[in-house]
Every structure is written in C-alpha cells, then in structure tokens.
C-alpha cells in the first residue's frame, strides 16, 4: 500500500515564504491545518505585503533571516520543531546576469544548508524547488530525462542544487522530493528589480509606457498559474511515490512571448506599438514542459488556462495600482 502523508498538525517551514510562489504556498498550506508554519525570508525580493492575508492565521510565524546561514537555520528548525521544509528561497535569473558569482554561491549555499539539516535528522522531509531553466532550450521531449544544459549562472546554480539534493538522497537517504516548475505567473509576482515579462509588461502599460520585448519575441515559454504549482507541491509532499524523484510541473502549452504580450495588451486595451530591444544574455529559445510523470503520480492537471490566468493577474495588478492612487 502507498503511504500518504498528512500536513495536519505538523510544523512546516517555507524558505522564501514572503516571495511570489512562497507566499501562495503559505496560503495553500494554511488550508491543510498544520500546527505551525514558519516563513523564512530575507526580503531580497519578498514582501511582507505578500503575506498580508496569511498573517491572520495564528499558526504563521514570519522570520526575516538568511537561509544560507546553517547555524541560524538549525536554531530555527529546532526551536520550532520543524517536520517539513519547502525550500523556495532563491536569487533569481535576472540577478545572475549582473552578479553571477553571488547568485550561484547563494543558491547553492541555501540548498546545502537544508541538505545538511536533513542529513542530521533535524527535520523529516525536504521538498526542494528546482527550475525549468536547468534544461536550457528544448532539444526534444522536455520531460525529466531531458539533458541539463543551463544557459545562465542562475540556471547552472539550480542544476547544481538539484544534483546536491539528489546526492544527499542517494548517499545519506534523506527523505526528499523535487518540484521542477516551469514559468510561473500570477498575482504578487515581483514587478520591480529583476522582474519577469508578465509583471513588467502589465506595469509598463498601466504606467502608459509601451511593452518591451527582448529579441524578436518568438522565444517560447510554458506558463503555469501559481496556484496550480502550489497544489502540485502539496500533493507531491503527500505521496510516498514522489520520494527520490524530480517532477516537472508544467502546462504543456508552448506560448511565444509575442503571443503573451498581445494577450496582455488585449486585456489592458493597449493598441500602440510594442518596443523590441536586444535579446537577453543566455535567453533560451524554446520551453515546453512534459508533466506526464506528475500526472501519473499525483494526478496533476493545470486548472487555470493562460487566458484566464492572465485576466486574473491583470486584474490584481490593476487593483494594486488603484490602491496607490486612492
């Protein structure tokens, strides 16, 4: 019989818990009725505003600290009697173009911290977040067996982290699973420094500025609504069959940046020209995820199509702009 895990009553840590995906995961975890949720974030890109609703829960503790610090994390894990760590803390892709060595070192150190704590049995289970960027550009079926050919220092750091987690599983038997999400989007996605194309495009249009596309815009991505990723992450923890595995979480739909930007322009009524600039360094040409494994193991199927997700996302950013003007 396959063992199913339950989060009810457990003490859970989310690193990067005030970030975009992390804060949505905190929201999802609250519904699972754990005994405690500890969100750790150094607020490099995260924001306390992302946890505004979650803070109503008496079971949430937010700690502003650095997940690379092994001793500090050990103290937090021990004092909160953590059972499960969802490791989402990360320095993003855009930063690695400007600070490649710091990005690489920081991401690996974060992962090393929780691999070591898992090896020492300081907590029971590690759910580690990978990134579809580890694959580079599409060279065939982009399932979990696709070769890893990272194009950026960020992607290389995430590939290194994945190998590190897997090595601790094989060598020390840590209880782990890895989620490899494709291009997440939705409310709360960072729209400031190092922001991705969707929040940047929305923000520019709301400010009366033309959208900007790097390169010819024919590069493709597999966009996935953040709430679909959250559900897959929680379901992955619950199933014993995910242990020791890496699972893609993707929509399985390939969308060009040109198509995406046209969709956002349509939602916001932008009819003026779009600006094209030089390609981004290390930009991959094609992404299209195969989530067959996640579908077989945890029944994963995205609930939100790109059109509906973009509409919800645009509405959220428009509402935030309205609050600024109020």
C-alpha atoms as a PDB file:
ATOM      1  CA  UNK A   1       0.000   0.000   0.000  1.00  0.00           C
ATOM      2  CA  UNK A   2       1.264   3.504  -0.908  1.00  0.00           C
ATOM      3  CA  UNK A   3       1.796   5.655   2.150  1.00  0.00           C
ATOM      4  CA  UNK A   4       0.105   9.063   2.165  1.00  0.00           C
ATOM      5  CA  UNK A   5       1.460  11.890   4.298  1.00  0.00           C
ATOM      6  CA  UNK A   6      -0.681  14.465   6.062  1.00  0.00           C
ATOM      7  CA  UNK A   7       0.310  18.033   6.951  1.00  0.00           C
ATOM      8  CA  UNK A   8      -2.322  18.398   9.640  1.00  0.00           C
ATOM      9  CA  UNK A   9      -0.695  19.276  12.950  1.00  0.00           C
ATOM     10  CA  UNK A  10       2.828  19.303  11.536  1.00  0.00           C
ATOM     11  CA  UNK A  11       5.342  22.116  11.879  1.00  0.00           C
ATOM     12  CA  UNK A  12       6.284  23.361   8.414  1.00  0.00           C
ATOM     13  CA  UNK A  13       8.958  25.756   7.135  1.00  0.00           C
ATOM     14  CA  UNK A  14       8.787  27.645   3.840  1.00  0.00           C
ATOM     15  CA  UNK A  15      12.013  29.348   2.796  1.00  0.00           C
ATOM     16  CA  UNK A  16      11.334  32.313   0.539  1.00  0.00           C
ATOM     17  CA  UNK A  17       7.939  32.369   2.219  1.00  0.00           C
ATOM     18  CA  UNK A  18       7.322  36.086   1.578  1.00  0.00           C
ATOM     19  CA  UNK A  19       8.111  35.731  -2.116  1.00  0.00           C
ATOM     20  CA  UNK A  20       5.783  35.230  -5.065  1.00  0.00           C
ATOM     21  CA  UNK A  21       5.384  31.444  -5.114  1.00  0.00           C
ATOM     22  CA  UNK A  22       6.346  31.089  -1.458  1.00  0.00           C
ATOM     23  CA  UNK A  23       3.526  33.301  -0.194  1.00  0.00           C
ATOM     24  CA  UNK A  24       0.983  31.441  -2.326  1.00  0.00           C
ATOM     25  CA  UNK A  25       2.333  28.183  -0.917  1.00  0.00           C
ATOM     26  CA  UNK A  26       1.878  29.560   2.610  1.00  0.00           C
ATOM     27  CA  UNK A  27      -1.753  30.311   1.723  1.00  0.00           C
ATOM     28  CA  UNK A  28      -2.206  26.762   0.458  1.00  0.00           C
ATOM     29  CA  UNK A  29      -0.537  25.231   3.492  1.00  0.00           C
ATOM     30  CA  UNK A  30      -2.802  27.124   5.905  1.00  0.00           C
ATOM     31  CA  UNK A  31      -5.744  25.224   4.405  1.00  0.00           C
ATOM     32  CA  UNK A  32      -4.003  21.953   5.321  1.00  0.00           C
ATOM     33  CA  UNK A  33      -4.264  22.892   9.033  1.00  0.00           C
ATOM     34  CA  UNK A  34      -0.654  22.377  10.099  1.00  0.00           C
ATOM     35  CA  UNK A  35       0.292  23.056  13.692  1.00  0.00           C
ATOM     36  CA  UNK A  36       2.698  25.813  12.665  1.00  0.00           C
ATOM     37  CA  UNK A  37       4.053  27.457   9.510  1.00  0.00           C
ATOM     38  CA  UNK A  38       7.398  29.236   9.679  1.00  0.00           C
ATOM     39  CA  UNK A  39       8.049  31.513   6.701  1.00  0.00           C
ATOM     40  CA  UNK A  40      11.731  32.447   6.436  1.00  0.00           C
ATOM     41  CA  UNK A  41      12.664  35.274   4.060  1.00  0.00           C
ATOM     42  CA  UNK A  42      15.435  37.876   3.925  1.00  0.00           C
ATOM     43  CA  UNK A  43      13.104  40.136   1.859  1.00  0.00           C
ATOM     44  CA  UNK A  44      15.603  40.466  -1.005  1.00  0.00           C
ATOM     45  CA  UNK A  45      12.633  40.179  -3.354  1.00  0.00           C
ATOM     46  CA  UNK A  46       9.935  39.008  -0.969  1.00  0.00           C
ATOM     47  CA  UNK A  47       7.492  41.389   0.683  1.00  0.00           C
ATOM     48  CA  UNK A  48       5.549  41.296   3.920  1.00  0.00           C
ATOM     49  CA  UNK A  49       2.612  42.567   1.885  1.00  0.00           C
ATOM     50  CA  UNK A  50       2.502  39.189   0.143  1.00  0.00           C
ATOM     51  CA  UNK A  51       1.624  37.603   3.495  1.00  0.00           C
ATOM     52  CA  UNK A  52      -0.986  40.171   4.498  1.00  0.00           C
ATOM     53  CA  UNK A  53      -3.893  37.715   4.376  1.00  0.00           C
ATOM     54  CA  UNK A  54      -1.862  34.793   5.699  1.00  0.00           C
ATOM     55  CA  UNK A  55      -0.868  36.810   8.768  1.00  0.00           C
ATOM     56  CA  UNK A  56      -4.428  36.473  10.020  1.00  0.00           C
ATOM     57  CA  UNK A  57      -3.579  32.864  10.823  1.00  0.00           C
ATOM     58  CA  UNK A  58      -2.352  32.435  14.398  1.00  0.00           C
ATOM     59  CA  UNK A  59      -0.273  29.480  13.199  1.00  0.00           C
ATOM     60  CA  UNK A  60       2.019  31.565  10.942  1.00  0.00           C
ATOM     61  CA  UNK A  61       5.420  32.783  12.142  1.00  0.00           C
ATOM     62  CA  UNK A  62       7.451  35.051   9.835  1.00  0.00           C
ATOM     63  CA  UNK A  63      11.215  35.285  10.349  1.00  0.00           C
ATOM     64  CA  UNK A  64      13.415  37.760   8.491  1.00  0.00           C
ATOM     65  CA  UNK A  65      16.672  35.837   8.150  1.00  0.00           C
ATOM     66  CA  UNK A  66      19.230  34.436   5.727  1.00  0.00           C
ATOM     67  CA  UNK A  67      18.655  30.842   4.619  1.00  0.00           C
ATOM     68  CA  UNK A  68      22.349  30.423   3.747  1.00  0.00           C
ATOM     69  CA  UNK A  69      23.255  30.571   7.445  1.00  0.00           C
ATOM     70  CA  UNK A  70      23.407  26.950   8.605  1.00  0.00           C
ATOM     71  CA  UNK A  71      23.579  27.678  12.329  1.00  0.00           C
ATOM     72  CA  UNK A  72      20.699  30.163  12.286  1.00  0.00           C
ATOM     73  CA  UNK A  73      18.535  27.765  10.278  1.00  0.00           C
ATOM     74  CA  UNK A  74      19.427  24.929  12.664  1.00  0.00           C
ATOM     75  CA  UNK A  75      18.261  27.056  15.592  1.00  0.00           C
ATOM     76  CA  UNK A  76      15.000  27.954  13.845  1.00  0.00           C
ATOM     77  CA  UNK A  77      14.320  24.354  12.834  1.00  0.00           C
ATOM     78  CA  UNK A  78      14.982  23.111  16.372  1.00  0.00           C
ATOM     79  CA  UNK A  79      13.088  25.821  18.240  1.00  0.00           C
ATOM     80  CA  UNK A  80      10.033  25.357  16.013  1.00  0.00           C
ATOM     81  CA  UNK A  81      10.325  21.548  15.894  1.00  0.00           C
ATOM     82  CA  UNK A  82      10.092  21.619  12.094  1.00  0.00           C
ATOM     83  CA  UNK A  83       8.881  18.446  10.376  1.00  0.00           C
ATOM     84  CA  UNK A  84       8.873  19.538   6.722  1.00  0.00           C
ATOM     85  CA  UNK A  85      10.892  22.128   4.788  1.00  0.00           C
ATOM     86  CA  UNK A  86       9.654  23.524   1.480  1.00  0.00           C
ATOM     87  CA  UNK A  87      12.772  25.160   0.053  1.00  0.00           C
ATOM     88  CA  UNK A  88      11.832  28.003  -2.318  1.00  0.00           C
ATOM     89  CA  UNK A  89      14.406  30.632  -1.311  1.00  0.00           C
ATOM     90  CA  UNK A  90      16.374  31.719  -4.379  1.00  0.00           C
ATOM     91  CA  UNK A  91      18.274  34.530  -6.040  1.00  0.00           C
ATOM     92  CA  UNK A  92      16.525  34.913  -9.427  1.00  0.00           C
ATOM     93  CA  UNK A  93      17.702  34.634 -13.012  1.00  0.00           C
ATOM     94  CA  UNK A  94      17.939  38.369 -13.655  1.00  0.00           C
ATOM     95  CA  UNK A  95      20.328  38.869 -10.773  1.00  0.00           C
ATOM     96  CA  UNK A  96      22.688  36.254 -12.206  1.00  0.00           C
ATOM     97  CA  UNK A  97      23.269  38.411 -15.299  1.00  0.00           C
ATOM     98  CA  UNK A  98      24.566  41.214 -13.058  1.00  0.00           C
ATOM     99  CA  UNK A  99      26.002  39.266 -10.103  1.00  0.00           C
ATOM    100  CA  UNK A 100      26.707  35.762 -11.423  1.00  0.00           C
ATOM    101  CA  UNK A 101      29.134  34.582  -8.737  1.00  0.00           C
ATOM    102  CA  UNK A 102      26.991  35.810  -5.841  1.00  0.00           C
ATOM    103  CA  UNK A 103      23.839  34.283  -7.351  1.00  0.00           C
ATOM    104  CA  UNK A 104      25.485  30.904  -7.863  1.00  0.00           C
ATOM    105  CA  UNK A 105      27.097  30.780  -4.432  1.00  0.00           C
ATOM    106  CA  UNK A 106      23.971  31.945  -2.595  1.00  0.00           C
ATOM    107  CA  UNK A 107      21.620  29.463  -4.238  1.00  0.00           C
ATOM    108  CA  UNK A 108      23.942  26.540  -3.626  1.00  0.00           C
ATOM    109  CA  UNK A 109      24.535  27.591  -0.003  1.00  0.00           C
ATOM    110  CA  UNK A 110      20.795  27.730   0.676  1.00  0.00           C
ATOM    111  CA  UNK A 111      20.351  24.203  -0.638  1.00  0.00           C
ATOM    112  CA  UNK A 112      23.457  22.951   1.170  1.00  0.00           C
ATOM    113  CA  UNK A 113      22.023  24.288   4.438  1.00  0.00           C
ATOM    114  CA  UNK A 114      18.862  22.203   4.236  1.00  0.00           C
ATOM    115  CA  UNK A 115      20.578  19.129   2.839  1.00  0.00           C
ATOM    116  CA  UNK A 116      22.860  19.172   5.873  1.00  0.00           C
ATOM    117  CA  UNK A 117      19.985  19.672   8.312  1.00  0.00           C
ATOM    118  CA  UNK A 118      18.091  16.814   6.646  1.00  0.00           C
ATOM    119  CA  UNK A 119      21.204  14.603   6.879  1.00  0.00           C
ATOM    120  CA  UNK A 120      21.423  15.400  10.583  1.00  0.00           C
ATOM    121  CA  UNK A 121      17.741  14.431  11.024  1.00  0.00           C
ATOM    122  CA  UNK A 122      16.841  17.924  12.204  1.00  0.00           C
ATOM    123  CA  UNK A 123      13.597  17.577  10.202  1.00  0.00           C
ATOM    124  CA  UNK A 124      11.861  14.758   8.335  1.00  0.00           C
ATOM    125  CA  UNK A 125      11.208  15.781   4.722  1.00  0.00           C
ATOM    126  CA  UNK A 126      12.719  18.211   2.210  1.00  0.00           C
ATOM    127  CA  UNK A 127      10.601  19.435  -0.698  1.00  0.00           C
ATOM    128  CA  UNK A 128      13.040  21.289  -2.916  1.00  0.00           C
ATOM    129  CA  UNK A 129      12.158  23.684  -5.737  1.00  0.00           C
ATOM    130  CA  UNK A 130      14.131  23.294  -8.944  1.00  0.00           C
ATOM    131  CA  UNK A 131      13.571  25.336 -12.133  1.00  0.00           C
ATOM    132  CA  UNK A 132      12.817  24.522 -15.757  1.00  0.00           C
ATOM    133  CA  UNK A 133      15.772  26.773 -16.623  1.00  0.00           C
ATOM    134  CA  UNK A 134      18.092  23.840 -15.840  1.00  0.00           C
ATOM    135  CA  UNK A 135      17.092  22.271 -19.173  1.00  0.00           C
ATOM    136  CA  UNK A 136      18.280  25.143 -21.347  1.00  0.00           C
ATOM    137  CA  UNK A 137      16.383  25.227 -24.626  1.00  0.00           C
ATOM    138  CA  UNK A 138      14.123  22.454 -25.904  1.00  0.00           C
ATOM    139  CA  UNK A 139      16.077  19.728 -27.731  1.00  0.00           C
ATOM    140  CA  UNK A 140      13.448  17.013 -27.634  1.00  0.00           C
ATOM    141  CA  UNK A 141      10.741  15.840 -25.276  1.00  0.00           C
ATOM    142  CA  UNK A 142      11.228  18.085 -22.231  1.00  0.00           C
ATOM    143  CA  UNK A 143      10.493  15.518 -19.562  1.00  0.00           C
ATOM    144  CA  UNK A 144      12.658  14.811 -16.539  1.00  0.00           C
ATOM    145  CA  UNK A 145      15.164  12.850 -18.676  1.00  0.00           C
ATOM    146  CA  UNK A 146      15.900  15.870 -20.890  1.00  0.00           C
ATOM    147  CA  UNK A 147      19.578  16.798 -20.661  1.00  0.00           C
ATOM    148  CA  UNK A 148      20.510  19.659 -18.356  1.00  0.00           C
ATOM    149  CA  UNK A 149      22.149  22.428 -20.377  1.00  0.00           C
ATOM    150  CA  UNK A 150      21.744  25.603 -18.299  1.00  0.00           C
ATOM    151  CA  UNK A 151      22.226  28.844 -20.236  1.00  0.00           C
ATOM    152  CA  UNK A 152      22.698  31.262 -17.322  1.00  0.00           C
ATOM    153  CA  UNK A 153      24.556  31.262 -13.993  1.00  0.00           C
ATOM    154  CA  UNK A 154      21.146  31.126 -12.302  1.00  0.00           C
ATOM    155  CA  UNK A 155      20.203  28.005 -14.233  1.00  0.00           C
ATOM    156  CA  UNK A 156      23.595  26.469 -13.504  1.00  0.00           C
ATOM    157  CA  UNK A 157      23.106  27.142  -9.791  1.00  0.00           C
ATOM    158  CA  UNK A 158      19.713  25.438  -9.846  1.00  0.00           C
ATOM    159  CA  UNK A 159      21.137  22.422 -11.679  1.00  0.00           C
ATOM    160  CA  UNK A 160      23.909  22.221  -9.081  1.00  0.00           C
ATOM    161  CA  UNK A 161      21.316  22.412  -6.294  1.00  0.00           C
ATOM    162  CA  UNK A 162      19.306  19.587  -7.849  1.00  0.00           C
ATOM    163  CA  UNK A 163      22.390  17.389  -8.065  1.00  0.00           C
ATOM    164  CA  UNK A 164      23.252  18.236  -4.466  1.00  0.00           C
ATOM    165  CA  UNK A 165      19.809  17.251  -3.152  1.00  0.00           C
ATOM    166  CA  UNK A 166      19.827  14.025  -5.142  1.00  0.00           C
ATOM    167  CA  UNK A 167      23.339  13.175  -3.913  1.00  0.00           C
ATOM    168  CA  UNK A 168      22.186  13.532  -0.295  1.00  0.00           C
ATOM    169  CA  UNK A 169      19.248  11.256  -1.092  1.00  0.00           C
ATOM    170  CA  UNK A 170      21.487   8.574  -2.596  1.00  0.00           C
ATOM    171  CA  UNK A 171      24.339   8.874  -0.082  1.00  0.00           C
ATOM    172  CA  UNK A 172      22.563   9.661   3.186  1.00  0.00           C
ATOM    173  CA  UNK A 173      18.984   8.567   2.482  1.00  0.00           C
ATOM    174  CA  UNK A 174      17.327  11.915   3.198  1.00  0.00           C
ATOM    175  CA  UNK A 175      13.565  11.970   2.640  1.00  0.00           C
ATOM    176  CA  UNK A 176      13.112  14.329  -0.295  1.00  0.00           C
ATOM    177  CA  UNK A 177      11.239  15.203  -3.443  1.00  0.00           C
ATOM    178  CA  UNK A 178      11.967  17.891  -6.045  1.00  0.00           C
ATOM    179  CA  UNK A 179       9.442  20.039  -7.895  1.00  0.00           C
ATOM    180  CA  UNK A 180      10.621  21.476 -11.228  1.00  0.00           C
ATOM    181  CA  UNK A 181       8.114  24.214 -12.119  1.00  0.00           C
ATOM    182  CA  UNK A 182       8.008  25.904 -15.486  1.00  0.00           C
ATOM    183  CA  UNK A 183       7.267  29.628 -15.913  1.00  0.00           C
ATOM    184  CA  UNK A 184       5.027  30.589 -13.022  1.00  0.00           C
ATOM    185  CA  UNK A 185       2.906  33.731 -13.113  1.00  0.00           C
ATOM    186  CA  UNK A 186       0.018  35.253 -11.194  1.00  0.00           C
ATOM    187  CA  UNK A 187      -0.818  37.847  -8.542  1.00  0.00           C
ATOM    188  CA  UNK A 188       2.074  39.064  -6.347  1.00  0.00           C
ATOM    189  CA  UNK A 189       4.802  38.259  -8.867  1.00  0.00           C
ATOM    190  CA  UNK A 190       7.678  40.690  -8.395  1.00  0.00           C
ATOM    191  CA  UNK A 191       7.262  43.747 -10.651  1.00  0.00           C
ATOM    192  CA  UNK A 192      10.336  45.648  -9.516  1.00  0.00           C
ATOM    193  CA  UNK A 193      14.022  44.744  -9.860  1.00  0.00           C
ATOM    194  CA  UNK A 194      14.695  41.541 -11.838  1.00  0.00           C
ATOM    195  CA  UNK A 195      11.024  41.201 -12.753  1.00  0.00           C
ATOM    196  CA  UNK A 196       9.751  38.747 -15.382  1.00  0.00           C
ATOM    197  CA  UNK A 197       7.949  39.562 -18.613  1.00  0.00           C
ATOM    198  CA  UNK A 198       4.341  39.356 -17.369  1.00  0.00           C
ATOM    199  CA  UNK A 199       4.507  41.782 -14.420  1.00  0.00           C
ATOM    200  CA  UNK A 200       6.868  44.084 -16.347  1.00  0.00           C
ATOM    201  CA  UNK A 201       4.505  44.259 -19.323  1.00  0.00           C
ATOM    202  CA  UNK A 202       1.464  44.899 -17.133  1.00  0.00           C
ATOM    203  CA  UNK A 203       3.255  47.554 -15.121  1.00  0.00           C
ATOM    204  CA  UNK A 204       4.537  49.395 -18.197  1.00  0.00           C
ATOM    205  CA  UNK A 205       1.093  49.545 -19.782  1.00  0.00           C
ATOM    206  CA  UNK A 206      -0.515  50.698 -16.536  1.00  0.00           C
ATOM    207  CA  UNK A 207       2.109  53.473 -16.450  1.00  0.00           C
ATOM    208  CA  UNK A 208       1.290  54.470 -20.036  1.00  0.00           C
ATOM    209  CA  UNK A 209       4.584  53.076 -21.375  1.00  0.00           C
ATOM    210  CA  UNK A 210       4.979  50.664 -24.313  1.00  0.00           C
ATOM    211  CA  UNK A 211       5.650  46.995 -23.579  1.00  0.00           C
ATOM    212  CA  UNK A 212       9.231  45.871 -24.210  1.00  0.00           C
ATOM    213  CA  UNK A 213      10.165  42.534 -25.774  1.00  0.00           C
ATOM    214  CA  UNK A 214      13.763  41.308 -25.750  1.00  0.00           C
ATOM    215  CA  UNK A 215      14.736  39.933 -29.160  1.00  0.00           C
ATOM    216  CA  UNK A 216      12.216  39.021 -31.846  1.00  0.00           C
ATOM    217  CA  UNK A 217       9.676  37.657 -29.336  1.00  0.00           C
ATOM    218  CA  UNK A 218       9.474  34.252 -30.977  1.00  0.00           C
ATOM    219  CA  UNK A 219      11.147  32.614 -27.961  1.00  0.00           C
ATOM    220  CA  UNK A 220       8.625  30.394 -26.194  1.00  0.00           C
ATOM    221  CA  UNK A 221       7.760  29.535 -22.630  1.00  0.00           C
ATOM    222  CA  UNK A 222       5.446  27.150 -20.789  1.00  0.00           C
ATOM    223  CA  UNK A 223       3.419  29.409 -18.489  1.00  0.00           C
ATOM    224  CA  UNK A 224       1.780  27.945 -15.394  1.00  0.00           C
ATOM    225  CA  UNK A 225      -0.548  29.714 -12.977  1.00  0.00           C
ATOM    226  CA  UNK A 226       0.946  29.859  -9.494  1.00  0.00           C
ATOM    227  CA  UNK A 227      -1.991  28.197  -7.736  1.00  0.00           C
ATOM    228  CA  UNK A 228      -1.550  25.115  -9.930  1.00  0.00           C
ATOM    229  CA  UNK A 229       2.061  24.887  -8.785  1.00  0.00           C
ATOM    230  CA  UNK A 230       1.031  25.219  -5.141  1.00  0.00           C
ATOM    231  CA  UNK A 231      -1.462  22.362  -5.399  1.00  0.00           C
ATOM    232  CA  UNK A 232       1.104  20.146  -7.128  1.00  0.00           C
ATOM    233  CA  UNK A 233       3.678  20.921  -4.428  1.00  0.00           C
ATOM    234  CA  UNK A 234       1.373  19.988  -1.567  1.00  0.00           C
ATOM    235  CA  UNK A 235       0.174  16.869  -3.380  1.00  0.00           C
ATOM    236  CA  UNK A 236       3.792  15.867  -4.040  1.00  0.00           C
ATOM    237  CA  UNK A 237       4.574  16.020  -0.338  1.00  0.00           C
ATOM    238  CA  UNK A 238       1.580  13.869   0.498  1.00  0.00           C
ATOM    239  CA  UNK A 239       2.505  10.957  -1.799  1.00  0.00           C
ATOM    240  CA  UNK A 240       5.231   8.485  -0.851  1.00  0.00           C
ATOM    241  CA  UNK A 241       5.665   7.711  -4.558  1.00  0.00           C
ATOM    242  CA  UNK A 242       7.339  11.100  -5.143  1.00  0.00           C
ATOM    243  CA  UNK A 243      10.242  10.373  -2.803  1.00  0.00           C
ATOM    244  CA  UNK A 244      13.607  10.471  -4.503  1.00  0.00           C
ATOM    245  CA  UNK A 245      12.077  11.893  -7.682  1.00  0.00           C
ATOM    246  CA  UNK A 246      12.166  15.154  -9.609  1.00  0.00           C
ATOM    247  CA  UNK A 247       8.838  16.104 -11.196  1.00  0.00           C
ATOM    248  CA  UNK A 248       8.086  18.664 -13.869  1.00  0.00           C
ATOM    249  CA  UNK A 249       5.098  20.877 -13.139  1.00  0.00           C
ATOM    250  CA  UNK A 250       4.053  22.452 -16.432  1.00  0.00           C
ATOM    251  CA  UNK A 251       1.036  23.408 -18.536  1.00  0.00           C
ATOM    252  CA  UNK A 252       2.255  21.512 -21.593  1.00  0.00           C
ATOM    253  CA  UNK A 253       1.404  24.519 -23.774  1.00  0.00           C
ATOM    254  CA  UNK A 254       4.109  26.396 -25.686  1.00  0.00           C
ATOM    255  CA  UNK A 255       3.461  30.139 -25.967  1.00  0.00           C
ATOM    256  CA  UNK A 256       5.649  32.732 -27.682  1.00  0.00           C
ATOM    257  CA  UNK A 257       6.487  35.965 -25.900  1.00  0.00           C
ATOM    258  CA  UNK A 258       4.857  37.850 -28.781  1.00  0.00           C
ATOM    259  CA  UNK A 259       1.592  35.966 -28.224  1.00  0.00           C
ATOM    260  CA  UNK A 260       1.783  36.521 -24.486  1.00  0.00           C
ATOM    261  CA  UNK A 261       2.350  40.266 -24.801  1.00  0.00           C
ATOM    262  CA  UNK A 262      -0.504  40.579 -27.320  1.00  0.00           C
ATOM    263  CA  UNK A 263      -2.749  38.820 -24.797  1.00  0.00           C
ATOM    264  CA  UNK A 264      -1.804  41.269 -22.045  1.00  0.00           C
ATOM    265  CA  UNK A 265      -2.220  44.231 -24.402  1.00  0.00           C
ATOM    266  CA  UNK A 266      -5.708  42.984 -25.233  1.00  0.00           C
ATOM    267  CA  UNK A 267      -6.674  42.740 -21.564  1.00  0.00           C
ATOM    268  CA  UNK A 268      -5.444  46.289 -20.904  1.00  0.00           C
ATOM    269  CA  UNK A 269      -6.641  47.846 -24.165  1.00  0.00           C
ATOM    270  CA  UNK A 270      -3.125  48.766 -25.373  1.00  0.00           C
ATOM    271  CA  UNK A 271      -3.183  49.412 -29.134  1.00  0.00           C
ATOM    272  CA  UNK A 272       0.097  51.289 -29.621  1.00  0.00           C
ATOM    273  CA  UNK A 273       3.318  49.647 -30.897  1.00  0.00           C
ATOM    274  CA  UNK A 274       5.465  47.300 -28.847  1.00  0.00           C
ATOM    275  CA  UNK A 275       9.201  48.038 -28.466  1.00  0.00           C
ATOM    276  CA  UNK A 276      11.768  45.351 -29.346  1.00  0.00           C
ATOM    277  CA  UNK A 277      15.249  45.520 -27.806  1.00  0.00           C
ATOM    278  CA  UNK A 278      18.357  43.328 -27.881  1.00  0.00           C
ATOM    279  CA  UNK A 279      17.958  39.709 -26.747  1.00  0.00           C
ATOM    280  CA  UNK A 280      18.683  38.948 -23.106  1.00  0.00           C
ATOM    281  CA  UNK A 281      22.025  37.255 -22.440  1.00  0.00           C
ATOM    282  CA  UNK A 282      21.588  33.489 -22.094  1.00  0.00           C
ATOM    283  CA  UNK A 283      17.902  33.554 -23.083  1.00  0.00           C
ATOM    284  CA  UNK A 284      16.589  30.114 -24.062  1.00  0.00           C
ATOM    285  CA  UNK A 285      14.725  29.824 -27.342  1.00  0.00           C
ATOM    286  CA  UNK A 286      12.093  27.199 -26.537  1.00  0.00           C
ATOM    287  CA  UNK A 287      10.456  25.774 -23.429  1.00  0.00           C
ATOM    288  CA  UNK A 288       7.673  23.199 -23.419  1.00  0.00           C
ATOM    289  CA  UNK A 289       7.262  21.029 -20.355  1.00  0.00           C
ATOM    290  CA  UNK A 290       6.147  17.413 -20.208  1.00  0.00           C
ATOM    291  CA  UNK A 291       4.374  16.776 -16.899  1.00  0.00           C
ATOM    292  CA  UNK A 292       3.417  13.157 -17.619  1.00  0.00           C
ATOM    293  CA  UNK A 293       5.203  11.905 -14.502  1.00  0.00           C
ATOM    294  CA  UNK A 294       3.349  14.316 -12.209  1.00  0.00           C
ATOM    295  CA  UNK A 295       0.086  13.391 -13.883  1.00  0.00           C
ATOM    296  CA  UNK A 296       0.721   9.669 -13.267  1.00  0.00           C
ATOM    297  CA  UNK A 297       1.893  10.012  -9.675  1.00  0.00           C
ATOM    298  CA  UNK A 298      -0.229  12.810  -8.198  1.00  0.00           C
ATOM    299  CA  UNK A 299      -2.908  13.308 -10.874  1.00  0.00           C
ATOM    300  CA  UNK A 300      -1.581  16.741 -11.752  1.00  0.00           C
ATOM    301  CA  UNK A 301      -3.613  18.713 -14.278  1.00  0.00           C
ATOM    302  CA  UNK A 302      -3.478  22.521 -14.508  1.00  0.00           C
ATOM    303  CA  UNK A 303      -6.806  24.061 -13.520  1.00  0.00           C
ATOM    304  CA  UNK A 304      -6.199  27.543 -14.984  1.00  0.00           C
ATOM    305  CA  UNK A 305      -5.623  28.194 -18.688  1.00  0.00           C
ATOM    306  CA  UNK A 306      -3.321  31.025 -19.739  1.00  0.00           C
ATOM    307  CA  UNK A 307      -6.159  33.314 -20.859  1.00  0.00           C
ATOM    308  CA  UNK A 308      -7.956  33.068 -17.513  1.00  0.00           C
ATOM    309  CA  UNK A 309      -4.723  33.320 -15.557  1.00  0.00           C
ATOM    310  CA  UNK A 310      -3.637  36.460 -17.392  1.00  0.00           C
ATOM    311  CA  UNK A 311      -7.042  38.006 -16.765  1.00  0.00           C
ATOM    312  CA  UNK A 312      -6.788  37.307 -13.029  1.00  0.00           C
ATOM    313  CA  UNK A 313      -3.221  38.596 -12.941  1.00  0.00           C
ATOM    314  CA  UNK A 314      -4.015  41.811 -14.807  1.00  0.00           C
ATOM    315  CA  UNK A 315      -6.996  42.425 -12.519  1.00  0.00           C
ATOM    316  CA  UNK A 316      -4.778  42.031  -9.450  1.00  0.00           C
ATOM    317  CA  UNK A 317      -2.124  44.483 -10.662  1.00  0.00           C
ATOM    318  CA  UNK A 318      -4.784  46.941 -11.762  1.00  0.00           C
ATOM    319  CA  UNK A 319      -6.290  46.749  -8.269  1.00  0.00           C
ATOM    320  CA  UNK A 320      -2.863  47.418  -6.708  1.00  0.00           C
ATOM    321  CA  UNK A 321      -2.435  50.492  -8.898  1.00  0.00           C
ATOM    322  CA  UNK A 322      -5.862  51.694  -7.814  1.00  0.00           C
ATOM    323  CA  UNK A 323      -4.873  51.395  -4.157  1.00  0.00           C
ATOM    324  CA  UNK A 324      -1.810  53.576  -4.779  1.00  0.00           C
ATOM    325  CA  UNK A 325      -3.984  56.312  -6.225  1.00  0.00           C
ATOM    326  CA  UNK A 326      -6.627  56.127  -3.521  1.00  0.00           C
END
